[in-house]
């Protein structure tokens, strides 16, 4: 009998992180003056800033909140904020030397390398922890309440994990799903 590998590789697909400058921003001025920024009040209520050396896109709001999205590594998030803060300082906007950056959501993927019968899985997992409407969405939505994480399971055995704040939480959620699927007989032990 073939045994499951002890851990399934996860891959970060997107990181949403937040930082803040301690002042309100004149988004029209910042959008016009920031080399990598654009502002169009009719399209979006803040400045969209694409940093050329990282996949992160930064969104700057009037409140001083800055949201980063699109990066797939913590290093890219940090690099994006560093470069943006340098540009903001050059515009005369006070930014502390080491502003705090808070990861709000890691979106990751994993592959169980086996196909899943989602209809049977929906029954096995119990309707209180899942949402499964194949006419609306091709995946099963599995809520891991104790971790506050949502795992999307697909027939192909692929998983999408959302709601984690660290890679460790992501890995724990995948291992918890694998354990539950093994208990139910969907994965060989």
C-alpha atoms as a PDB file:
ATOM      1  CA  UNK A   1       0.000   0.000   0.000  1.00  0.00           C
ATOM      2  CA  UNK A   2       1.405   3.376  -1.070  1.00  0.00           C
ATOM      3  CA  UNK A   3       1.665   5.960   1.706  1.00  0.00           C
ATOM      4  CA  UNK A   4       0.975   9.659   1.384  1.00  0.00           C
ATOM      5  CA  UNK A   5       4.005  11.951   1.601  1.00  0.00           C
ATOM      6  CA  UNK A   6       4.204  13.539   5.031  1.00  0.00           C
ATOM      7  CA  UNK A   7       3.615  17.020   3.685  1.00  0.00           C
ATOM      8  CA  UNK A   8       2.157  18.508   0.537  1.00  0.00           C
ATOM      9  CA  UNK A   9       3.978  21.424  -1.055  1.00  0.00           C
ATOM     10  CA  UNK A  10       2.087  24.697  -1.018  1.00  0.00           C
ATOM     11  CA  UNK A  11       2.751  27.588  -3.371  1.00  0.00           C
ATOM     12  CA  UNK A  12       1.946  31.196  -2.525  1.00  0.00           C
ATOM     13  CA  UNK A  13      -0.129  32.701  -5.322  1.00  0.00           C
ATOM     14  CA  UNK A  14      -0.919  36.129  -3.827  1.00  0.00           C
ATOM     15  CA  UNK A  15      -0.229  38.077  -0.649  1.00  0.00           C
ATOM     16  CA  UNK A  16      -2.420  40.905   0.620  1.00  0.00           C
ATOM     17  CA  UNK A  17      -0.582  43.113   3.113  1.00  0.00           C
ATOM     18  CA  UNK A  18      -1.334  46.454   4.769  1.00  0.00           C
ATOM     19  CA  UNK A  19       0.827  49.315   5.968  1.00  0.00           C
ATOM     20  CA  UNK A  20       0.063  52.916   6.839  1.00  0.00           C
ATOM     21  CA  UNK A  21       1.584  56.361   6.785  1.00  0.00           C
ATOM     22  CA  UNK A  22       0.624  58.522   9.748  1.00  0.00           C
ATOM     23  CA  UNK A  23      -1.170  61.191   7.762  1.00  0.00           C
ATOM     24  CA  UNK A  24      -3.923  61.716   5.244  1.00  0.00           C
ATOM     25  CA  UNK A  25      -2.783  61.664   1.643  1.00  0.00           C
ATOM     26  CA  UNK A  26      -3.794  64.071  -1.094  1.00  0.00           C
ATOM     27  CA  UNK A  27      -4.377  61.209  -3.527  1.00  0.00           C
ATOM     28  CA  UNK A  28      -4.788  63.485  -6.558  1.00  0.00           C
ATOM     29  CA  UNK A  29      -1.380  65.077  -5.902  1.00  0.00           C
ATOM     30  CA  UNK A  30       0.320  61.805  -4.976  1.00  0.00           C
ATOM     31  CA  UNK A  31      -1.109  60.124  -8.080  1.00  0.00           C
ATOM     32  CA  UNK A  32       0.197  62.931 -10.291  1.00  0.00           C
ATOM     33  CA  UNK A  33       3.647  63.147  -8.642  1.00  0.00           C
ATOM     34  CA  UNK A  34       4.431  59.509  -7.872  1.00  0.00           C
ATOM     35  CA  UNK A  35       6.568  58.087 -10.722  1.00  0.00           C
ATOM     36  CA  UNK A  36       4.831  54.709 -10.655  1.00  0.00           C
ATOM     37  CA  UNK A  37       1.389  55.925  -9.578  1.00  0.00           C
ATOM     38  CA  UNK A  38      -1.896  56.651 -11.309  1.00  0.00           C
ATOM     39  CA  UNK A  39      -5.036  58.238  -9.957  1.00  0.00           C
ATOM     40  CA  UNK A  40      -8.434  58.310 -11.627  1.00  0.00           C
ATOM     41  CA  UNK A  41     -11.179  59.223  -9.170  1.00  0.00           C
ATOM     42  CA  UNK A  42     -13.889  57.866 -11.478  1.00  0.00           C
ATOM     43  CA  UNK A  43     -12.241  54.435 -11.621  1.00  0.00           C
ATOM     44  CA  UNK A  44     -10.784  53.948  -8.127  1.00  0.00           C
ATOM     45  CA  UNK A  45     -10.788  55.990  -4.878  1.00  0.00           C
ATOM     46  CA  UNK A  46      -7.008  55.854  -4.414  1.00  0.00           C
ATOM     47  CA  UNK A  47      -3.660  55.804  -6.149  1.00  0.00           C
ATOM     48  CA  UNK A  48      -2.646  52.604  -7.916  1.00  0.00           C
ATOM     49  CA  UNK A  49       1.095  52.164  -7.888  1.00  0.00           C
ATOM     50  CA  UNK A  50       2.858  49.428  -9.838  1.00  0.00           C
ATOM     51  CA  UNK A  51       6.419  48.950  -8.644  1.00  0.00           C
ATOM     52  CA  UNK A  52       8.534  47.831 -11.633  1.00  0.00           C
ATOM     53  CA  UNK A  53      10.917  45.582  -9.664  1.00  0.00           C
ATOM     54  CA  UNK A  54       8.227  43.514  -7.948  1.00  0.00           C
ATOM     55  CA  UNK A  55       4.873  41.970  -8.901  1.00  0.00           C
ATOM     56  CA  UNK A  56       3.251  43.856  -6.004  1.00  0.00           C
ATOM     57  CA  UNK A  57       0.656  46.491  -6.821  1.00  0.00           C
ATOM     58  CA  UNK A  58       0.204  49.101  -4.108  1.00  0.00           C
ATOM     59  CA  UNK A  59      -3.053  50.931  -3.483  1.00  0.00           C
ATOM     60  CA  UNK A  60      -2.762  54.176  -1.515  1.00  0.00           C
ATOM     61  CA  UNK A  61      -5.871  55.620   0.108  1.00  0.00           C
ATOM     62  CA  UNK A  62      -6.652  59.098   1.415  1.00  0.00           C
ATOM     63  CA  UNK A  63      -6.591  57.725   4.995  1.00  0.00           C
ATOM     64  CA  UNK A  64      -2.889  56.835   4.660  1.00  0.00           C
ATOM     65  CA  UNK A  65      -3.604  53.114   4.404  1.00  0.00           C
ATOM     66  CA  UNK A  66      -1.538  51.315   1.768  1.00  0.00           C
ATOM     67  CA  UNK A  67      -2.563  47.853   0.587  1.00  0.00           C
ATOM     68  CA  UNK A  68      -0.190  45.610  -1.345  1.00  0.00           C
ATOM     69  CA  UNK A  69      -1.515  42.820  -3.538  1.00  0.00           C
ATOM     70  CA  UNK A  70      -0.149  40.626  -6.299  1.00  0.00           C
ATOM     71  CA  UNK A  71       3.164  39.592  -4.730  1.00  0.00           C
ATOM     72  CA  UNK A  72       3.840  35.903  -4.215  1.00  0.00           C
ATOM     73  CA  UNK A  73       6.624  36.204  -1.646  1.00  0.00           C
ATOM     74  CA  UNK A  74       7.116  38.178   1.551  1.00  0.00           C
ATOM     75  CA  UNK A  75      10.360  39.511   0.068  1.00  0.00           C
ATOM     76  CA  UNK A  76       8.420  41.007  -2.878  1.00  0.00           C
ATOM     77  CA  UNK A  77       5.925  42.612  -0.475  1.00  0.00           C
ATOM     78  CA  UNK A  78       8.756  44.144   1.578  1.00  0.00           C
ATOM     79  CA  UNK A  79      10.630  45.287  -1.560  1.00  0.00           C
ATOM     80  CA  UNK A  80       7.458  46.903  -2.910  1.00  0.00           C
ATOM     81  CA  UNK A  81       6.845  48.834   0.300  1.00  0.00           C
ATOM     82  CA  UNK A  82      10.519  49.859   0.578  1.00  0.00           C
ATOM     83  CA  UNK A  83      10.508  51.274  -2.945  1.00  0.00           C
ATOM     84  CA  UNK A  84       7.147  52.984  -2.481  1.00  0.00           C
ATOM     85  CA  UNK A  85       8.210  54.538   0.844  1.00  0.00           C
ATOM     86  CA  UNK A  86      11.390  55.847  -0.805  1.00  0.00           C
ATOM     87  CA  UNK A  87       9.283  57.460  -3.542  1.00  0.00           C
ATOM     88  CA  UNK A  88       6.927  58.950  -0.936  1.00  0.00           C
ATOM     89  CA  UNK A  89       9.853  60.418   1.051  1.00  0.00           C
ATOM     90  CA  UNK A  90      11.149  61.984  -2.174  1.00  0.00           C
ATOM     91  CA  UNK A  91       7.758  63.721  -2.462  1.00  0.00           C
ATOM     92  CA  UNK A  92       8.169  65.100   1.073  1.00  0.00           C
ATOM     93  CA  UNK A  93       5.698  62.702   2.707  1.00  0.00           C
ATOM     94  CA  UNK A  94       6.913  61.603   6.136  1.00  0.00           C
ATOM     95  CA  UNK A  95       7.249  57.829   6.345  1.00  0.00           C
ATOM     96  CA  UNK A  96       8.899  56.221   9.350  1.00  0.00           C
ATOM     97  CA  UNK A  97      12.136  54.371   8.606  1.00  0.00           C
ATOM     98  CA  UNK A  98      10.650  50.940   9.397  1.00  0.00           C
ATOM     99  CA  UNK A  99       6.859  51.134   8.926  1.00  0.00           C
ATOM    100  CA  UNK A 100       4.991  48.069  10.098  1.00  0.00           C
ATOM    101  CA  UNK A 101       3.664  45.735   7.427  1.00  0.00           C
ATOM    102  CA  UNK A 102       0.861  43.339   8.309  1.00  0.00           C
ATOM    103  CA  UNK A 103       0.087  40.309   6.144  1.00  0.00           C
ATOM    104  CA  UNK A 104      -3.701  40.016   5.997  1.00  0.00           C
ATOM    105  CA  UNK A 105      -4.157  37.106   3.605  1.00  0.00           C
ATOM    106  CA  UNK A 106      -1.960  34.532   1.908  1.00  0.00           C
ATOM    107  CA  UNK A 107      -3.649  32.853  -1.031  1.00  0.00           C
ATOM    108  CA  UNK A 108      -1.879  29.575  -1.747  1.00  0.00           C
ATOM    109  CA  UNK A 109      -2.350  26.479  -3.832  1.00  0.00           C
ATOM    110  CA  UNK A 110      -1.538  22.817  -3.309  1.00  0.00           C
ATOM    111  CA  UNK A 111      -2.087  19.558  -5.159  1.00  0.00           C
ATOM    112  CA  UNK A 112      -3.155  16.332  -3.459  1.00  0.00           C
ATOM    113  CA  UNK A 113      -2.164  14.466  -6.648  1.00  0.00           C
ATOM    114  CA  UNK A 114      -5.364  12.447  -6.692  1.00  0.00           C
ATOM    115  CA  UNK A 115      -8.831  13.166  -8.015  1.00  0.00           C
ATOM    116  CA  UNK A 116     -11.653  13.776  -5.568  1.00  0.00           C
ATOM    117  CA  UNK A 117     -15.347  12.903  -5.709  1.00  0.00           C
ATOM    118  CA  UNK A 118     -16.752  16.200  -4.459  1.00  0.00           C
ATOM    119  CA  UNK A 119     -20.329  14.907  -4.195  1.00  0.00           C
ATOM    120  CA  UNK A 120     -19.253  12.132  -1.809  1.00  0.00           C
ATOM    121  CA  UNK A 121     -16.852  14.472  -0.040  1.00  0.00           C
ATOM    122  CA  UNK A 122     -19.621  17.018   0.607  1.00  0.00           C
ATOM    123  CA  UNK A 123     -21.628  14.328   2.394  1.00  0.00           C
ATOM    124  CA  UNK A 124     -18.610  12.994   4.291  1.00  0.00           C
ATOM    125  CA  UNK A 125     -17.406  16.376   5.544  1.00  0.00           C
ATOM    126  CA  UNK A 126     -20.855  17.390   6.735  1.00  0.00           C
ATOM    127  CA  UNK A 127     -22.982  20.216   5.445  1.00  0.00           C
ATOM    128  CA  UNK A 128     -22.263  22.512   8.412  1.00  0.00           C
ATOM    129  CA  UNK A 129     -18.602  23.067   7.380  1.00  0.00           C
ATOM    130  CA  UNK A 130     -18.918  23.163   3.605  1.00  0.00           C
ATOM    131  CA  UNK A 131     -20.607  24.885   0.705  1.00  0.00           C
ATOM    132  CA  UNK A 132     -20.993  22.902  -2.469  1.00  0.00           C
ATOM    133  CA  UNK A 133     -23.170  24.006  -5.352  1.00  0.00           C
ATOM    134  CA  UNK A 134     -21.563  22.610  -8.517  1.00  0.00           C
ATOM    135  CA  UNK A 135     -24.036  24.515 -10.707  1.00  0.00           C
ATOM    136  CA  UNK A 136     -22.676  27.771  -9.243  1.00  0.00           C
ATOM    137  CA  UNK A 137     -18.981  26.984  -8.628  1.00  0.00           C
ATOM    138  CA  UNK A 138     -16.918  23.905  -9.580  1.00  0.00           C
ATOM    139  CA  UNK A 139     -15.230  23.570  -6.191  1.00  0.00           C
ATOM    140  CA  UNK A 140     -16.173  22.584  -2.684  1.00  0.00           C
ATOM    141  CA  UNK A 141     -15.731  25.353  -0.102  1.00  0.00           C
ATOM    142  CA  UNK A 142     -14.450  23.886   3.179  1.00  0.00           C
ATOM    143  CA  UNK A 143     -14.263  26.206   6.202  1.00  0.00           C
ATOM    144  CA  UNK A 144     -11.696  25.319   8.849  1.00  0.00           C
ATOM    145  CA  UNK A 145     -13.317  27.243  11.691  1.00  0.00           C
ATOM    146  CA  UNK A 146     -10.544  26.756  14.272  1.00  0.00           C
ATOM    147  CA  UNK A 147      -7.988  28.227  11.842  1.00  0.00           C
ATOM    148  CA  UNK A 148     -10.326  30.803  10.217  1.00  0.00           C
ATOM    149  CA  UNK A 149      -9.138  29.503   6.859  1.00  0.00           C
ATOM    150  CA  UNK A 150     -11.122  28.510   3.788  1.00  0.00           C
ATOM    151  CA  UNK A 151      -9.921  25.712   1.511  1.00  0.00           C
ATOM    152  CA  UNK A 152     -11.377  25.278  -1.950  1.00  0.00           C
ATOM    153  CA  UNK A 153     -11.191  21.656  -3.109  1.00  0.00           C
ATOM    154  CA  UNK A 154     -11.531  20.691  -6.770  1.00  0.00           C
ATOM    155  CA  UNK A 155     -12.188  17.369  -8.531  1.00  0.00           C
ATOM    156  CA  UNK A 156      -8.601  17.422  -9.809  1.00  0.00           C
ATOM    157  CA  UNK A 157      -7.264  17.263  -6.227  1.00  0.00           C
ATOM    158  CA  UNK A 158      -6.053  20.849  -6.416  1.00  0.00           C
ATOM    159  CA  UNK A 159      -6.600  23.102  -3.397  1.00  0.00           C
ATOM    160  CA  UNK A 160      -6.770  26.873  -2.995  1.00  0.00           C
ATOM    161  CA  UNK A 161      -6.163  28.066   0.568  1.00  0.00           C
ATOM    162  CA  UNK A 162      -7.299  31.550   1.655  1.00  0.00           C
ATOM    163  CA  UNK A 163      -7.348  33.411   4.951  1.00  0.00           C
ATOM    164  CA  UNK A 164      -3.946  32.371   6.308  1.00  0.00           C
ATOM    165  CA  UNK A 165      -1.564  35.029   7.564  1.00  0.00           C
ATOM    166  CA  UNK A 166       1.558  32.837   7.563  1.00  0.00           C
ATOM    167  CA  UNK A 167       2.968  29.987   5.510  1.00  0.00           C
ATOM    168  CA  UNK A 168       2.805  27.833   8.658  1.00  0.00           C
ATOM    169  CA  UNK A 169      -0.971  28.391   8.911  1.00  0.00           C
ATOM    170  CA  UNK A 170      -1.294  27.487   5.228  1.00  0.00           C
ATOM    171  CA  UNK A 171       0.649  24.249   5.709  1.00  0.00           C
ATOM    172  CA  UNK A 172      -1.333  23.376   8.871  1.00  0.00           C
ATOM    173  CA  UNK A 173      -4.598  23.822   7.008  1.00  0.00           C
ATOM    174  CA  UNK A 174      -3.470  21.552   4.153  1.00  0.00           C
ATOM    175  CA  UNK A 175      -2.341  18.885   6.618  1.00  0.00           C
ATOM    176  CA  UNK A 176      -5.670  19.169   8.467  1.00  0.00           C
ATOM    177  CA  UNK A 177      -7.591  18.718   5.205  1.00  0.00           C
ATOM    178  CA  UNK A 178      -5.427  15.737   4.240  1.00  0.00           C
ATOM    179  CA  UNK A 179      -5.950  14.167   7.661  1.00  0.00           C
ATOM    180  CA  UNK A 180      -9.728  14.597   7.423  1.00  0.00           C
ATOM    181  CA  UNK A 181      -9.800  13.200   3.872  1.00  0.00           C
ATOM    182  CA  UNK A 182      -7.740  10.198   5.024  1.00  0.00           C
ATOM    183  CA  UNK A 183     -10.157   9.584   7.918  1.00  0.00           C
ATOM    184  CA  UNK A 184     -13.026   9.572   5.416  1.00  0.00           C
ATOM    185  CA  UNK A 185     -11.174   7.204   3.059  1.00  0.00           C
ATOM    186  CA  UNK A 186     -10.579   9.712   0.249  1.00  0.00           C
ATOM    187  CA  UNK A 187      -6.771   9.521   0.555  1.00  0.00           C
ATOM    188  CA  UNK A 188      -4.743   6.390   1.148  1.00  0.00           C
ATOM    189  CA  UNK A 189      -2.882   6.485   4.450  1.00  0.00           C
END
